Amino acid sequence: MEPRTLTAAIFLFCVAPGAWAQLPAPNAAGVAMGHYHLNVRDPEAHRVFWTTLGGTAVKLGSMQAIKFPDVLVLYRKAEPTGGTEGSVIGHIGFRVKDLHASLEKWRAAGLTIIPGASPHQAFAIAPDEVRVEIAEDTSMQVPIANHHIHFYTSSVDDTKAWYVKMFGAKPGKRGPFEAADLPGVNLTFSQAPGAVAPTKGRALDHIGFEVKDLEAFCRKLEAAGTKFDLPYRKIPEVGLSIAFLTDPWGTYIELTEGLNRL
């Protein structure tokens, strides 16, 4: 166990009750989207970026965080080894109700925007080269919400099957891409053009899923041969539980239980 991992986990949960909006209800396997965790050089620059995008800044003990519908974005001051591009998670995605109005506002605020492949898509580039795809969904009831995680791996079919088996993700397609859905997020899979780096240590260090009955869930995974980087443990002072593992392609994953109650 790395001291930094445990320290970050403890910081994650030092938060006053009632601070968060409800995360999505879990699927039949007990899993839903939880959070993204970033290593950042300039926390203030990230606060400005993510709040300009439409999130709400909050504090988790000594750690900064931004809340959006269906996800929390957490960040800690650290020197990342690289941005999202070139890692197994090439970018994350959000959806907005009005893309044109959103892009106008973001450009006026000084955000770096790159046009997408269609008029209904663009990329916002966060500090530390975190790529955020923005897609329009006019049926939304909120201005912005979490949408997808785009994985680039050596085996699309195997990666998709792993997330379906491990977390009960519902297999399907997202446009031309192989995909699987969890409550609050679409997991999109593409063939990597070459070698990609693991996420740990990058600007997007890890992704987090909220899990109902995490202890039983971890026992089930261990019985199936899963090796945990940080085994299941409780943080009794705040009534929460955590575990960390890495998928076979290098995505560092935190599992939590209780974040949804905060």
Protein backbone atom coordinates (compact mmCIF):
# COMPACT_ATOMS: atom_id res chain seq x y z
CA MET A 1 0.00 0.00 0.00
CA GLU A 2 1.35 3.40 -0.94
CA PRO A 3 1.09 6.12 1.75
CA ARG A 4 -0.05 8.65 -0.84
CA THR A 5 -2.93 6.43 -1.90
CA LEU A 6 -4.23 6.00 1.63
CA THR A 7 -3.71 9.68 2.47
CA ALA A 8 -5.64 10.73 -0.62
CA ALA A 9 -8.41 8.32 0.27
CA ILE A 10 -8.68 9.71 3.79
CA PHE A 11 -8.77 13.27 2.41
CA LEU A 12 -11.50 12.16 0.02
CA PHE A 13 -13.81 11.26 2.85
CA CYS A 14 -13.19 14.13 5.27
CA VAL A 15 -16.29 16.02 4.19
CA ALA A 16 -19.32 17.33 5.95
CA PRO A 17 -22.54 15.33 5.43
CA GLY A 18 -25.01 16.82 2.98
CA ALA A 19 -22.38 18.38 0.69
CA TRP A 20 -23.16 16.37 -2.45
CA ALA A 21 -25.97 15.92 -4.91
CA GLN A 22 -27.23 12.37 -5.33
CA LEU A 23 -25.09 10.09 -7.47
CA PRO A 24 -26.93 7.72 -9.84
CA ALA A 25 -28.78 4.73 -8.44
CA PRO A 26 -26.72 1.53 -8.87
CA ASN A 27 -27.29 -1.18 -11.44
CA ALA A 28 -28.19 -4.78 -10.58
CA ALA A 29 -24.54 -5.47 -9.70
CA GLY A 30 -24.61 -2.56 -7.22
CA VAL A 31 -22.34 -0.27 -9.29
CA ALA A 32 -22.72 3.34 -10.45
CA MET A 33 -20.45 6.17 -11.56
CA GLY A 34 -18.71 7.98 -8.73
CA HIS A 35 -15.77 10.28 -9.47
CA TYR A 36 -12.75 11.31 -11.52
CA HIS A 37 -9.53 12.00 -9.62
CA LEU A 38 -6.92 14.39 -11.08
CA ASN A 39 -3.26 15.15 -10.34
CA VAL A 40 -2.85 18.89 -11.05
CA ARG A 41 -0.04 21.43 -11.05
CA ASP A 42 -2.30 24.41 -10.34
CA PRO A 43 -5.44 23.66 -8.31
CA GLU A 44 -6.83 27.16 -8.81
CA ALA A 45 -6.58 26.84 -12.60
CA HIS A 46 -8.60 23.62 -12.40
CA ARG A 47 -11.17 25.20 -10.10
CA VAL A 48 -11.66 27.96 -12.67
CA PHE A 49 -11.87 25.51 -15.59
CA TRP A 50 -14.36 23.08 -14.05
CA THR A 51 -16.61 25.78 -12.56
CA THR A 52 -16.59 27.65 -15.88
CA LEU A 53 -17.66 24.40 -17.49
CA GLY A 54 -20.67 24.40 -15.14
CA GLY A 55 -19.67 22.51 -12.00
CA THR A 56 -19.92 23.67 -8.38
CA ALA A 57 -16.77 23.97 -6.27
CA VAL A 58 -16.82 22.24 -2.88
CA LYS A 59 -14.27 21.07 -0.30
CA LEU A 60 -13.46 17.57 0.90
CA GLY A 61 -11.36 18.24 3.97
CA SER A 62 -8.13 19.61 2.48
CA MET A 63 -9.00 18.41 -1.03
CA GLN A 64 -10.71 20.44 -3.74
CA ALA A 65 -13.65 19.00 -5.66
CA ILE A 66 -16.22 19.98 -8.26
CA LYS A 67 -19.68 18.42 -8.40
CA PHE A 68 -21.66 17.77 -11.57
CA PRO A 69 -24.79 15.70 -12.11
CA ASP A 70 -23.73 12.03 -12.01
CA VAL A 71 -20.06 12.61 -11.10
CA LEU A 72 -17.61 14.36 -8.80
CA VAL A 73 -14.30 15.74 -10.10
CA LEU A 74 -11.62 15.60 -7.39
CA TYR A 75 -8.15 17.08 -7.70
CA ARG A 76 -4.97 17.23 -5.64
CA LYS A 77 -1.78 19.20 -6.21
CA ALA A 78 0.82 16.92 -7.79
CA GLU A 79 3.13 16.76 -10.80
CA PRO A 80 1.35 14.60 -13.40
CA THR A 81 3.40 12.41 -15.71
CA GLY A 82 1.26 13.39 -18.69
CA GLY A 83 -2.19 14.38 -19.86
CA THR A 84 -5.04 12.11 -20.86
CA GLU A 85 -3.96 11.71 -24.49
CA GLY A 86 -1.48 8.85 -24.70
CA SER A 87 -2.94 7.06 -21.69
CA VAL A 88 -5.47 4.24 -21.62
CA ILE A 89 -8.17 6.88 -20.98
CA GLY A 90 -7.73 9.28 -23.88
CA HIS A 91 -10.49 11.61 -22.71
CA ILE A 92 -13.64 11.91 -20.65
CA GLY A 93 -16.92 13.28 -21.94
CA PHE A 94 -19.73 15.52 -20.74
CA ARG A 95 -23.02 16.39 -22.44
CA VAL A 96 -24.68 19.80 -22.55
CA LYS A 97 -28.18 20.95 -23.41
CA ASP A 98 -27.06 23.79 -25.70
CA LEU A 99 -23.61 23.31 -27.26
CA HIS A 100 -23.51 26.59 -29.19
CA ALA A 101 -24.36 28.72 -26.16
CA SER A 102 -21.96 26.72 -23.97
CA LEU A 103 -19.05 27.13 -26.39
CA GLU A 104 -19.67 30.86 -26.73
CA LYS A 105 -19.60 31.27 -22.96
CA TRP A 106 -16.50 29.11 -22.52
CA ARG A 107 -14.54 30.85 -25.30
CA ALA A 108 -15.43 34.24 -23.81
CA ALA A 109 -14.06 32.99 -20.48
CA GLY A 110 -10.77 31.98 -22.14
CA LEU A 111 -11.14 28.19 -22.24
CA THR A 112 -9.30 26.32 -24.98
CA ILE A 113 -11.87 24.77 -27.32
CA ILE A 114 -11.10 22.42 -30.23
CA PRO A 115 -13.81 21.70 -32.83
CA GLY A 116 -15.11 18.15 -33.00
CA ALA A 117 -15.90 15.89 -35.91
CA SER A 118 -19.48 17.20 -36.12
CA PRO A 119 -21.32 20.46 -35.31
CA HIS A 120 -22.73 18.77 -32.21
CA GLN A 121 -19.37 17.96 -30.64
CA ALA A 122 -16.26 19.80 -29.40
CA PHE A 123 -13.37 19.35 -26.98
CA ALA A 124 -12.52 21.57 -24.02
CA ILE A 125 -8.89 21.24 -22.91
CA ALA A 126 -8.43 21.49 -19.15
CA PRO A 127 -5.11 22.46 -17.57
CA ASP A 128 -2.53 19.63 -17.54
CA GLU A 129 -3.87 18.48 -20.93
CA VAL A 130 -7.03 16.79 -19.68
CA ARG A 131 -9.21 16.37 -22.75
CA VAL A 132 -12.97 16.75 -22.19
CA GLU A 133 -15.30 15.92 -25.04
CA ILE A 134 -18.53 17.90 -25.07
CA ALA A 135 -21.58 16.55 -26.90
CA GLU A 136 -25.01 18.15 -27.28
CA ASP A 137 -28.16 16.52 -25.90
CA THR A 138 -31.12 18.85 -26.25
CA SER A 139 -33.35 16.48 -24.25
CA MET A 140 -31.39 17.11 -21.03
CA GLN A 141 -33.10 18.61 -17.99
CA VAL A 142 -29.86 20.19 -16.70
CA PRO A 143 -27.27 22.39 -18.51
CA ILE A 144 -24.38 19.89 -18.18
CA ALA A 145 -23.84 16.33 -16.90
CA ASN A 146 -21.33 13.52 -17.05
CA HIS A 147 -21.45 11.38 -20.19
CA HIS A 148 -18.60 8.97 -21.02
CA ILE A 149 -15.09 7.63 -20.46
CA HIS A 150 -13.19 6.81 -23.67
CA PHE A 151 -10.73 3.93 -23.30
CA TYR A 152 -7.97 3.18 -25.82
CA THR A 153 -6.71 -0.38 -25.37
CA SER A 154 -4.92 -3.23 -27.14
CA SER A 155 -8.15 -5.29 -27.22
CA VAL A 156 -11.52 -3.59 -27.53
CA ASP A 157 -13.58 -6.75 -27.18
CA ASP A 158 -11.67 -7.99 -24.13
CA THR A 159 -11.84 -4.62 -22.39
CA LYS A 160 -15.57 -4.32 -23.00
CA ALA A 161 -16.14 -7.88 -21.76
CA TRP A 162 -14.08 -7.20 -18.61
CA TYR A 163 -16.20 -4.20 -17.60
CA VAL A 164 -19.40 -6.09 -18.35
CA LYS A 165 -18.26 -9.03 -16.21
CA MET A 166 -16.68 -7.05 -13.36
CA PHE A 167 -19.21 -4.25 -12.91
CA GLY A 168 -22.37 -5.43 -14.63
CA ALA A 169 -22.08 -2.81 -17.38
CA LYS A 170 -24.72 -3.20 -20.09
CA PRO A 171 -23.01 -3.96 -23.43
CA GLY A 172 -23.93 -2.02 -26.54
CA LYS A 173 -22.66 0.61 -28.97
CA ARG A 174 -22.20 4.38 -28.88
CA GLY A 175 -22.38 5.44 -32.49
CA PRO A 176 -19.61 3.50 -34.26
CA PHE A 177 -17.88 2.57 -31.00
CA GLU A 178 -18.11 -0.55 -28.89
CA ALA A 179 -19.49 0.52 -25.51
CA ALA A 180 -21.08 -0.49 -22.23
CA ASP A 181 -23.27 1.52 -19.87
CA LEU A 182 -23.19 2.00 -16.12
CA PRO A 183 -25.57 4.33 -14.28
CA GLY A 184 -24.19 7.83 -14.82
CA VAL A 185 -21.60 6.97 -17.49
CA ASN A 186 -21.05 5.33 -20.85
CA LEU A 187 -17.82 3.35 -21.21
CA THR A 188 -16.54 3.70 -24.78
CA PHE A 189 -13.78 1.49 -26.19
CA SER A 190 -11.41 2.10 -29.12
CA GLN A 191 -8.36 0.28 -30.43
CA ALA A 192 -5.18 2.04 -29.30
CA PRO A 193 -2.99 3.09 -32.25
CA GLY A 194 0.09 1.97 -30.29
CA ALA A 195 1.33 1.59 -26.74
CA VAL A 196 -0.57 3.63 -24.14
CA ALA A 197 0.42 4.54 -20.58
CA PRO A 198 -1.41 3.43 -17.42
CA THR A 199 -3.52 6.15 -15.82
CA LYS A 200 -1.84 6.13 -12.40
CA GLY A 201 0.32 9.21 -12.05
CA ARG A 202 -1.19 10.92 -15.11
CA ALA A 203 -3.35 14.05 -14.91
CA LEU A 204 -6.38 11.74 -14.78
CA ASP A 205 -5.00 9.41 -12.13
CA HIS A 206 -8.03 7.19 -11.60
CA ILE A 207 -11.74 6.77 -12.06
CA GLY A 208 -14.11 5.90 -9.23
CA PHE A 209 -17.23 3.76 -9.01
CA GLU A 210 -19.69 3.83 -6.10
CA VAL A 211 -20.63 0.29 -5.06
CA LYS A 212 -23.47 -0.99 -2.90
CA ASP A 213 -22.26 -3.54 -0.27
CA LEU A 214 -18.63 -2.99 -1.23
CA GLU A 215 -17.25 -5.59 1.18
CA ALA A 216 -19.27 -8.40 -0.40
CA PHE A 217 -18.48 -7.06 -3.86
CA CYS A 218 -14.73 -7.14 -3.14
CA ARG A 219 -14.95 -10.66 -1.70
CA LYS A 220 -16.65 -11.79 -4.91
CA LEU A 221 -13.93 -10.22 -7.05
CA GLU A 222 -11.16 -11.71 -4.91
CA ALA A 223 -12.75 -15.16 -5.17
CA ALA A 224 -12.66 -14.75 -8.95
CA GLY A 225 -8.93 -13.96 -8.82
CA THR A 226 -8.91 -10.16 -8.76
CA LYS A 227 -5.83 -8.60 -7.13
CA PHE A 228 -6.42 -5.32 -5.29
CA ASP A 229 -3.84 -2.54 -5.09
CA LEU A 230 -5.49 -1.45 -1.85
CA PRO A 231 -7.82 -4.11 -0.38
CA TYR A 232 -11.23 -3.31 1.03
CA ARG A 233 -11.13 -1.25 4.19
CA LYS A 234 -13.46 0.87 6.24
CA ILE A 235 -12.83 4.45 7.31
CA PRO A 236 -15.04 4.30 10.41
CA GLU A 237 -14.66 7.94 11.45
CA VAL A 238 -16.70 8.96 8.40
CA GLY A 239 -18.62 5.71 7.83
CA LEU A 240 -17.17 4.99 4.40
CA SER A 241 -15.36 2.12 2.68
CA ILE A 242 -12.83 2.01 -0.16
CA ALA A 243 -10.75 -0.31 -2.33
CA PHE A 244 -8.39 0.20 -5.30
CA LEU A 245 -7.62 -2.05 -8.26
CA THR A 246 -6.13 -1.73 -11.75
CA ASP A 247 -7.77 -3.16 -14.83
CA PRO A 248 -5.67 -5.39 -17.15
CA TRP A 249 -5.00 -2.43 -19.49
CA GLY A 250 -3.74 0.00 -16.86
CA THR A 251 -6.81 1.94 -15.68
CA TYR A 252 -6.50 2.67 -11.96
CA ILE A 253 -9.94 2.32 -10.33
CA GLU A 254 -11.22 3.31 -6.90
CA LEU A 255 -14.31 1.64 -5.47
CA THR A 256 -16.23 3.47 -2.76
CA GLU A 257 -19.27 2.88 -0.62
CA GLY A 258 -20.90 5.74 1.21
CA LEU A 259 -19.90 8.61 -1.04
CA ASN A 260 -23.49 8.65 -2.24
CA ARG A 261 -24.71 9.32 1.32
CA LEU A 262 -22.58 12.39 1.88
